C-alpha atoms as a PDB file:
ATOM      1  CA  MET A   1       0.070   0.027  -0.175  1.00  0.00           C
ATOM      2  CA  LEU A   2       1.443   3.830  -0.723  1.00  0.00           C
ATOM      3  CA  VAL A   3       1.431   6.190   1.185  1.00  0.00           C
ATOM      4  CA  ILE A   4       0.404   9.529  -0.287  1.00  0.00           C
ATOM      5  CA  PRO A   5       1.083  13.208   0.169  1.00  0.00           C
ATOM      6  CA  ALA A   6      -1.380  15.944  -1.266  1.00  0.00           C
ATOM      7  CA  ILE A   7      -0.276  18.497  -2.418  1.00  0.00           C
ATOM      8  CA  ASP A   8      -3.463  20.815  -2.741  1.00  0.00           C
ATOM      9  CA  LEU A   9      -2.926  24.121  -4.962  1.00  0.00           C
ATOM     10  CA  LYS A  10      -4.860  27.334  -4.541  1.00  0.00           C
ATOM     11  CA  ASP A  11      -3.880  30.425  -6.041  1.00  0.00           C
ATOM     12  CA  GLY A  12      -0.118  29.173  -6.685  1.00  0.00           C
ATOM     13  CA  HIS A  13       0.197  28.153  -3.406  1.00  0.00           C
ATOM     14  CA  CYS A  14       0.104  24.733  -1.367  1.00  0.00           C
ATOM     15  CA  VAL A  15      -2.529  24.832   1.053  1.00  0.00           C
ATOM     16  CA  ARG A  16      -5.212  22.382   2.356  1.00  0.00           C
ATOM     17  CA  LEU A  17      -9.031  23.395   2.692  1.00  0.00           C
ATOM     18  CA  ARG A  18     -10.876  21.492   5.802  1.00  0.00           C
ATOM     19  CA  GLN A  19     -14.600  19.854   4.420  1.00  0.00           C
ATOM     20  CA  GLY A  20     -13.690  21.488   0.377  1.00  0.00           C
ATOM     21  CA  ARG A  21     -14.471  24.834   1.699  1.00  0.00           C
ATOM     22  CA  MET A  22     -11.889  27.487  -0.425  1.00  0.00           C
ATOM     23  CA  GLU A  23     -12.845  29.703   2.080  1.00  0.00           C
ATOM     24  CA  ASP A  24     -10.951  28.082   5.224  1.00  0.00           C
ATOM     25  CA  ALA A  25      -7.919  27.086   3.601  1.00  0.00           C
ATOM     26  CA  THR A  26      -4.446  26.941   5.284  1.00  0.00           C
ATOM     27  CA  THR A  27      -1.601  27.754   3.651  1.00  0.00           C
ATOM     28  CA  TYR A  28       1.451  25.726   3.943  1.00  0.00           C
ATOM     29  CA  GLY A  29       4.259  26.760   1.069  1.00  0.00           C
ATOM     30  CA  GLU A  30       3.934  29.164  -1.686  1.00  0.00           C
ATOM     31  CA  ASP A  31       7.008  26.883  -3.846  1.00  0.00           C
ATOM     32  CA  PRO A  32       4.935  23.520  -4.780  1.00  0.00           C
ATOM     33  CA  VAL A  33       8.028  22.275  -6.350  1.00  0.00           C
ATOM     34  CA  ALA A  34       9.935  22.472  -2.916  1.00  0.00           C
ATOM     35  CA  MET A  35       7.177  20.715  -1.386  1.00  0.00           C
ATOM     36  CA  ALA A  36       6.957  18.035  -3.898  1.00  0.00           C
ATOM     37  CA  ALA A  37      10.933  17.512  -2.799  1.00  0.00           C
ATOM     38  CA  ARG A  38      10.021  17.494   0.715  1.00  0.00           C
ATOM     39  CA  TRP A  39       8.188  14.733  -0.195  1.00  0.00           C
ATOM     40  CA  VAL A  40       9.961  12.513  -2.652  1.00  0.00           C
ATOM     41  CA  GLU A  41      13.390  13.106   0.040  1.00  0.00           C
ATOM     42  CA  SER A  42      10.965  11.536   2.793  1.00  0.00           C
ATOM     43  CA  GLY A  43       9.698   8.509   0.465  1.00  0.00           C
ATOM     44  CA  ALA A  44       6.855   9.160  -1.287  1.00  0.00           C
ATOM     45  CA  ARG A  45       6.361   6.609  -4.322  1.00  0.00           C
ATOM     46  CA  ARG A  46       3.501   8.383  -5.667  1.00  0.00           C
ATOM     47  CA  LEU A  47       2.212  12.382  -5.561  1.00  0.00           C
ATOM     48  CA  HIS A  48      -1.136  13.219  -5.035  1.00  0.00           C
ATOM     49  CA  LEU A  49      -1.829  16.887  -6.897  1.00  0.00           C
ATOM     50  CA  VAL A  50      -5.051  18.947  -7.127  1.00  0.00           C
ATOM     51  CA  ASP A  51      -5.458  22.127  -8.643  1.00  0.00           C
ATOM     52  CA  LEU A  52      -8.711  23.575  -6.419  1.00  0.00           C
ATOM     53  CA  ASN A  53      -9.178  26.963  -8.153  1.00  0.00           C
ATOM     54  CA  GLY A  54      -9.595  24.190 -11.377  1.00  0.00           C
ATOM     55  CA  ALA A  55     -12.102  22.073  -9.396  1.00  0.00           C
ATOM     56  CA  PHE A  56     -13.927  25.337  -9.114  1.00  0.00           C
ATOM     57  CA  GLU A  57     -13.563  26.999 -12.418  1.00  0.00           C
ATOM     58  CA  GLY A  58     -14.364  23.571 -14.529  1.00  0.00           C
ATOM     59  CA  LYS A  59     -10.742  23.798 -15.912  1.00  0.00           C
ATOM     60  CA  PRO A  60      -7.013  24.222 -14.796  1.00  0.00           C
ATOM     61  CA  VAL A  61      -5.860  26.848 -13.226  1.00  0.00           C
ATOM     62  CA  ASN A  62      -2.311  25.717 -11.621  1.00  0.00           C
ATOM     63  CA  GLY A  63      -1.494  23.779 -14.602  1.00  0.00           C
ATOM     64  CA  GLU A  64       2.047  25.528 -14.605  1.00  0.00           C
ATOM     65  CA  ALA A  65       2.989  24.372 -10.967  1.00  0.00           C
ATOM     66  CA  VAL A  66       2.036  20.982 -11.792  1.00  0.00           C
ATOM     67  CA  THR A  67       4.555  20.364 -14.861  1.00  0.00           C
ATOM     68  CA  ALA A  68       7.166  22.674 -13.265  1.00  0.00           C
ATOM     69  CA  ILE A  69       6.266  19.541 -10.831  1.00  0.00           C
ATOM     70  CA  ALA A  70       6.158  16.965 -13.380  1.00  0.00           C
ATOM     71  CA  ARG A  71       9.757  17.388 -15.011  1.00  0.00           C
ATOM     72  CA  ALA A  72      11.368  17.966 -11.938  1.00  0.00           C
ATOM     73  CA  TYR A  73      10.564  13.992 -10.711  1.00  0.00           C
ATOM     74  CA  PRO A  74       9.637  12.866 -14.665  1.00  0.00           C
ATOM     75  CA  ASP A  75      10.483   9.050 -12.891  1.00  0.00           C
ATOM     76  CA  LEU A  76       8.078   9.450 -10.200  1.00  0.00           C
ATOM     77  CA  PRO A  77       4.777   8.465 -10.590  1.00  0.00           C
ATOM     78  CA  ILE A  78       1.866  12.018 -10.161  1.00  0.00           C
ATOM     79  CA  GLN A  79      -1.603  11.951 -10.071  1.00  0.00           C
ATOM     80  CA  ILE A  80      -3.567  15.474 -10.467  1.00  0.00           C
ATOM     81  CA  GLY A  81      -7.004  15.987 -10.213  1.00  0.00           C
ATOM     82  CA  GLY A  82      -9.547  19.823  -9.840  1.00  0.00           C
ATOM     83  CA  GLY A  83     -11.361  20.675 -13.298  1.00  0.00           C
ATOM     84  CA  ILE A  84     -10.488  17.988 -15.702  1.00  0.00           C
ATOM     85  CA  ARG A  85     -13.831  18.259 -17.964  1.00  0.00           C
ATOM     86  CA  SER A  86     -12.155  17.371 -21.415  1.00  0.00           C
ATOM     87  CA  PRO A  87     -10.018  15.356 -23.057  1.00  0.00           C
ATOM     88  CA  GLU A  88      -7.230  18.076 -24.338  1.00  0.00           C
ATOM     89  CA  THR A  89      -6.925  18.874 -20.684  1.00  0.00           C
ATOM     90  CA  ILE A  90      -5.863  15.011 -19.990  1.00  0.00           C
ATOM     91  CA  ALA A  91      -4.145  14.952 -22.875  1.00  0.00           C
ATOM     92  CA  HIS A  92      -1.709  18.214 -22.062  1.00  0.00           C
ATOM     93  CA  TYR A  93      -1.462  16.850 -18.383  1.00  0.00           C
ATOM     94  CA  LEU A  94      -0.072  13.454 -19.766  1.00  0.00           C
ATOM     95  CA  ASP A  95       1.831  14.787 -22.255  1.00  0.00           C
ATOM     96  CA  ALA A  96       3.681  16.732 -19.272  1.00  0.00           C
ATOM     97  CA  GLY A  97       4.975  14.192 -17.230  1.00  0.00           C
ATOM     98  CA  VAL A  98       1.867  13.215 -15.425  1.00  0.00           C
ATOM     99  CA  SER A  99       0.606   9.742 -15.328  1.00  0.00           C
ATOM    100  CA  TYR A 100      -2.390   9.349 -14.037  1.00  0.00           C
ATOM    101  CA  VAL A 101      -6.003  12.009 -14.016  1.00  0.00           C
ATOM    102  CA  ILE A 102      -8.378  12.181 -12.147  1.00  0.00           C
ATOM    103  CA  ILE A 103     -11.904  12.356 -13.389  1.00  0.00           C
ATOM    104  CA  GLY A 104     -14.773  13.451 -10.372  1.00  0.00           C
ATOM    105  CA  THR A 105     -17.287  16.009 -11.406  1.00  0.00           C
ATOM    106  CA  LYS A 106     -17.782  15.307 -14.877  1.00  0.00           C
ATOM    107  CA  ALA A 107     -17.409  11.058 -13.804  1.00  0.00           C
ATOM    108  CA  VAL A 108     -20.696  11.660 -12.308  1.00  0.00           C
ATOM    109  CA  LYS A 109     -22.267  14.214 -14.025  1.00  0.00           C
ATOM    110  CA  GLU A 110     -21.307  12.403 -17.352  1.00  0.00           C
ATOM    111  CA  PRO A 111     -20.144   8.697 -17.424  1.00  0.00           C
ATOM    112  CA  ASP A 112     -19.997   7.926 -20.542  1.00  0.00           C
ATOM    113  CA  PHE A 113     -16.610  10.227 -20.614  1.00  0.00           C
ATOM    114  CA  VAL A 114     -14.960   8.288 -18.531  1.00  0.00           C
ATOM    115  CA  THR A 115     -16.290   5.110 -20.476  1.00  0.00           C
ATOM    116  CA  ALA A 116     -14.417   7.088 -23.728  1.00  0.00           C
ATOM    117  CA  MET A 117     -11.268   8.297 -22.150  1.00  0.00           C
ATOM    118  CA  CYS A 118     -10.683   5.000 -20.515  1.00  0.00           C
ATOM    119  CA  ARG A 119     -10.513   4.110 -24.192  1.00  0.00           C
ATOM    120  CA  GLU A 120      -8.220   6.632 -25.712  1.00  0.00           C
ATOM    121  CA  PHE A 121      -5.965   6.772 -22.415  1.00  0.00           C
ATOM    122  CA  ALA A 122      -5.908   3.161 -20.939  1.00  0.00           C
ATOM    123  CA  GLY A 123      -4.047   2.833 -17.741  1.00  0.00           C
ATOM    124  CA  HIS A 124      -3.869   6.685 -17.129  1.00  0.00           C
ATOM    125  CA  ILE A 125      -7.753   7.436 -16.222  1.00  0.00           C
ATOM    126  CA  ILE A 126      -8.720   7.605 -11.877  1.00  0.00           C
ATOM    127  CA  VAL A 127     -12.035   8.313 -10.597  1.00  0.00           C
ATOM    128  CA  GLY A 128     -12.531  10.585  -8.077  1.00  0.00           C
ATOM    129  CA  LEU A 129     -15.437  10.238  -6.126  1.00  0.00           C
ATOM    130  CA  ASP A 130     -15.961  12.475  -2.863  1.00  0.00           C
ATOM    131  CA  ALA A 131     -19.074  10.939  -1.169  1.00  0.00           C
ATOM    132  CA  HIS A 132     -20.957  12.729   2.005  1.00  0.00           C
ATOM    133  CA  GLU A 133     -22.834   9.659   3.778  1.00  0.00           C
ATOM    134  CA  GLY A 134     -22.056   7.342   1.168  1.00  0.00           C
ATOM    135  CA  TYR A 135     -23.888   9.897  -1.484  1.00  0.00           C
ATOM    136  CA  VAL A 136     -21.154  11.314  -3.899  1.00  0.00           C
ATOM    137  CA  ALA A 137     -20.430  15.138  -4.454  1.00  0.00           C
ATOM    138  CA  THR A 138     -19.589  17.467  -6.958  1.00  0.00           C
ATOM    139  CA  ASP A 139     -18.486  20.697  -8.215  1.00  0.00           C
ATOM    140  CA  GLY A 140     -15.192  21.226  -5.520  1.00  0.00           C
ATOM    141  CA  TRP A 141     -17.928  19.363  -2.723  1.00  0.00           C
ATOM    142  CA  ALA A 142     -20.969  22.243  -3.681  1.00  0.00           C
ATOM    143  CA  GLU A 143     -23.463  19.757  -4.712  1.00  0.00           C
ATOM    144  CA  VAL A 144     -24.107  15.831  -3.655  1.00  0.00           C
ATOM    145  CA  SER A 145     -26.044  13.676  -5.668  1.00  0.00           C
ATOM    146  CA  THR A 146     -28.464  11.474  -5.068  1.00  0.00           C
ATOM    147  CA  LEU A 147     -25.931   8.400  -6.780  1.00  0.00           C
ATOM    148  CA  LYS A 148     -24.341   6.350  -3.961  1.00  0.00           C
ATOM    149  CA  ALA A 149     -20.344   5.736  -4.580  1.00  0.00           C
ATOM    150  CA  THR A 150     -20.794   1.936  -4.291  1.00  0.00           C
ATOM    151  CA  GLU A 151     -23.174   2.061  -7.867  1.00  0.00           C
ATOM    152  CA  LEU A 152     -20.809   4.236  -9.679  1.00  0.00           C
ATOM    153  CA  ALA A 153     -18.241   2.189  -8.755  1.00  0.00           C
ATOM    154  CA  LYS A 154     -19.433  -0.740 -10.529  1.00  0.00           C
ATOM    155  CA  ARG A 155     -20.166   1.537 -13.346  1.00  0.00           C
ATOM    156  CA  PHE A 156     -16.557   2.244 -13.640  1.00  0.00           C
ATOM    157  CA  ALA A 157     -15.192  -1.148 -13.124  1.00  0.00           C
ATOM    158  CA  ASN A 158     -16.585  -2.328 -16.388  1.00  0.00           C
ATOM    159  CA  ASP A 159     -14.649   1.179 -18.331  1.00  0.00           C
ATOM    160  CA  GLY A 160     -10.974  -0.023 -16.762  1.00  0.00           C
ATOM    161  CA  VAL A 161     -10.424   3.088 -14.511  1.00  0.00           C
ATOM    162  CA  SER A 162      -7.136   2.195 -12.799  1.00  0.00           C
ATOM    163  CA  SER A 163      -8.741   3.168  -9.718  1.00  0.00           C
ATOM    164  CA  ILE A 164     -10.756   4.769  -7.452  1.00  0.00           C
ATOM    165  CA  VAL A 165     -10.064   8.004  -5.247  1.00  0.00           C
ATOM    166  CA  TYR A 166     -12.655   7.364  -2.254  1.00  0.00           C
ATOM    167  CA  THR A 167     -13.082  10.882  -0.331  1.00  0.00           C
ATOM    168  CA  ASP A 168     -15.363  10.633   2.717  1.00  0.00           C
ATOM    169  CA  ILE A 169     -15.691  14.833   2.657  1.00  0.00           C
ATOM    170  CA  ALA A 170     -17.312  14.705   6.826  1.00  0.00           C
ATOM    171  CA  ARG A 171     -13.706  13.736   7.514  1.00  0.00           C
ATOM    172  CA  ASP A 172     -11.453  15.558   4.696  1.00  0.00           C
ATOM    173  CA  GLY A 173      -8.921  17.736   6.646  1.00  0.00           C
ATOM    174  CA  MET A 174     -10.826  17.250  10.420  1.00  0.00           C
ATOM    175  CA  MET A 175      -7.527  15.674  11.285  1.00  0.00           C
ATOM    176  CA  GLN A 176     -10.476  12.469  12.426  1.00  0.00           C
ATOM    177  CA  GLY A 177      -9.052   9.215  11.259  1.00  0.00           C
ATOM    178  CA  VAL A 178     -10.228   7.597   8.071  1.00  0.00           C
ATOM    179  CA  ASN A 179     -14.055   6.296   7.360  1.00  0.00           C
ATOM    180  CA  ILE A 180     -12.414   2.135   7.162  1.00  0.00           C
ATOM    181  CA  GLU A 181     -15.711   0.550   6.616  1.00  0.00           C
ATOM    182  CA  ALA A 182     -17.078   2.702   3.695  1.00  0.00           C
ATOM    183  CA  THR A 183     -13.246   2.380   1.724  1.00  0.00           C
ATOM    184  CA  VAL A 184     -13.825  -1.483   2.697  1.00  0.00           C
ATOM    185  CA  ASP A 185     -17.149  -1.569   1.552  1.00  0.00           C
ATOM    186  CA  LEU A 186     -16.444   0.604  -1.967  1.00  0.00           C
ATOM    187  CA  ALA A 187     -13.026  -1.674  -2.804  1.00  0.00           C
ATOM    188  CA  ARG A 188     -14.666  -4.731  -2.384  1.00  0.00           C
ATOM    189  CA  GLN A 189     -18.577  -3.904  -4.067  1.00  0.00           C
ATOM    190  CA  GLY A 190     -16.981  -2.081  -6.844  1.00  0.00           C
ATOM    191  CA  GLY A 191     -14.124  -3.983  -7.509  1.00  0.00           C
ATOM    192  CA  VAL A 192     -11.427  -1.325  -8.746  1.00  0.00           C
ATOM    193  CA  PRO A 193      -8.770  -0.568  -6.277  1.00  0.00           C
ATOM    194  CA  VAL A 194      -9.426   2.370  -3.783  1.00  0.00           C
ATOM    195  CA  ILE A 195      -7.284   5.173  -2.460  1.00  0.00           C
ATOM    196  CA  ALA A 196      -8.392   6.625   0.182  1.00  0.00           C
ATOM    197  CA  SER A 197      -8.407   9.856   1.205  1.00  0.00           C
ATOM    198  CA  GLY A 198      -9.982  12.191   3.724  1.00  0.00           C
ATOM    199  CA  GLY A 199      -9.119  11.789   7.656  1.00  0.00           C
ATOM    200  CA  VAL A 200      -5.445  10.182   7.605  1.00  0.00           C
ATOM    201  CA  THR A 201      -4.038  11.601  10.941  1.00  0.00           C
ATOM    202  CA  ASN A 202      -1.748   9.476  11.883  1.00  0.00           C
ATOM    203  CA  LEU A 203      -0.170   5.889  11.717  1.00  0.00           C
ATOM    204  CA  ASP A 204      -2.894   4.074  13.334  1.00  0.00           C
ATOM    205  CA  ASP A 205      -4.822   5.333  10.541  1.00  0.00           C
ATOM    206  CA  ILE A 206      -2.902   3.531   8.398  1.00  0.00           C
ATOM    207  CA  ARG A 207      -2.597   0.445  10.057  1.00  0.00           C
ATOM    208  CA  LYS A 208      -6.148   0.171   9.681  1.00  0.00           C
ATOM    209  CA  LEU A 209      -5.557   0.431   6.422  1.00  0.00           C
ATOM    210  CA  ALA A 210      -2.920  -1.656   5.858  1.00  0.00           C
ATOM    211  CA  GLU A 211      -4.665  -3.634   7.513  1.00  0.00           C
ATOM    212  CA  ALA A 212      -7.712  -3.856   5.589  1.00  0.00           C
ATOM    213  CA  SER A 213      -5.021  -3.475   2.545  1.00  0.00           C
ATOM    214  CA  PRO A 214      -6.110  -6.947   0.430  1.00  0.00           C
ATOM    215  CA  SER A 215      -9.727  -6.315   0.156  1.00  0.00           C
ATOM    216  CA  GLY A 216      -8.371  -3.905  -2.726  1.00  0.00           C
ATOM    217  CA  ILE A 217      -6.447  -0.892  -0.479  1.00  0.00           C
ATOM    218  CA  LEU A 218      -4.071   0.238  -3.281  1.00  0.00           C
ATOM    219  CA  GLY A 219      -3.244   3.984  -1.085  1.00  0.00           C
ATOM    220  CA  ALA A 220      -3.676   6.374   1.182  1.00  0.00           C
ATOM    221  CA  ILE A 221      -3.728  10.262   0.337  1.00  0.00           C
ATOM    222  CA  THR A 222      -2.778  12.111   3.404  1.00  0.00           C
ATOM    223  CA  GLY A 223      -2.230  16.271   4.098  1.00  0.00           C
ATOM    224  CA  ARG A 224      -3.190  17.714   7.074  1.00  0.00           C
ATOM    225  CA  ALA A 225      -1.289  15.570   8.939  1.00  0.00           C
ATOM    226  CA  ILE A 226       1.947  15.623   7.398  1.00  0.00           C
ATOM    227  CA  TYR A 227       1.852  19.027   7.305  1.00  0.00           C
ATOM    228  CA  GLU A 228       0.768  19.169  11.131  1.00  0.00           C
ATOM    229  CA  GLY A 229       3.623  16.605  11.787  1.00  0.00           C
ATOM    230  CA  SER A 230       1.072  14.055  13.076  1.00  0.00           C
ATOM    231  CA  LEU A 231       2.473  11.604  10.883  1.00  0.00           C
ATOM    232  CA  ASP A 232       5.387  10.775   9.481  1.00  0.00           C
ATOM    233  CA  VAL A 233       5.572   9.646   5.529  1.00  0.00           C
ATOM    234  CA  SER A 234       8.577   7.931   5.619  1.00  0.00           C
ATOM    235  CA  GLU A 235       7.179   5.911   8.957  1.00  0.00           C
ATOM    236  CA  ALA A 236       4.110   5.365   7.077  1.00  0.00           C
ATOM    237  CA  GLN A 237       5.351   4.112   4.132  1.00  0.00           C
ATOM    238  CA  ALA A 238       7.847   1.697   6.070  1.00  0.00           C
ATOM    239  CA  LEU A 239       4.614   0.264   8.066  1.00  0.00           C
ATOM    240  CA  CYS A 240       2.575  -0.501   4.258  1.00  0.00           C
ATOM    241  CA  ASP A 241       6.337  -2.270   3.839  1.00  0.00           C
ATOM    242  CA  ALA A 242       6.265  -4.107   6.280  1.00  0.00           C
ATOM    243  CA  PHE A 243       2.617  -5.321   6.066  1.00  0.00           C
ATOM    244  CA  GLU A 244       3.270  -6.652   2.311  1.00  0.00           C
ATOM    245  CA  ARG A 245       6.636  -8.126   3.655  1.00  0.00           C
ATOM    246  CA  SER A 246       4.456 -10.327   6.524  1.00  0.00           C
END
């Protein structure tokens, strides 16, 4: 299982939001490439980038920062989400050296788009499902749909998505622990590897996810915890590696 540091980009800076609220942002750095270097040097094997402005505007806004990180670390798998709603945007990011693009809002509103993109960019598509009490939210979490995350996951399993990033909105940025039950349920019912997001607080959360990883949990995205020091990336990845060896 991978421990995946998150770098959330807002107005070119590295920030973290509480429950997806743009007005409740904490800035952790003004140099995204330097922040990427910090996590790479800590042993990260993949980075999770989010264009927060892009998520709200529906198009890339912090693309230059994403490209700069990809060029600085050409051998590092990078996944990017936020405002990815066209094949041109996907092609642009993949050409820039990003490994995976995360389709969120568009995946919920136009599932056929995911089907087409999986055919065009096979192996590079991740679907981001952000849920509130099991129901998928869209548009930077501003709208909650009537669709269950598990139902959508089953739909996308047939399309060949490489994984699903699953975020429990109620826990994101709140340092309250991961919703293990919902994450495992999604992996089992959906049949697609799941990357857990939202609420990762400490090593105990990583341990619980690692124990559940045989159910189909590929990784855990962590943001506020590593920025505020309640979780160490190197230590967390070492724990995951130990579980795989045992």
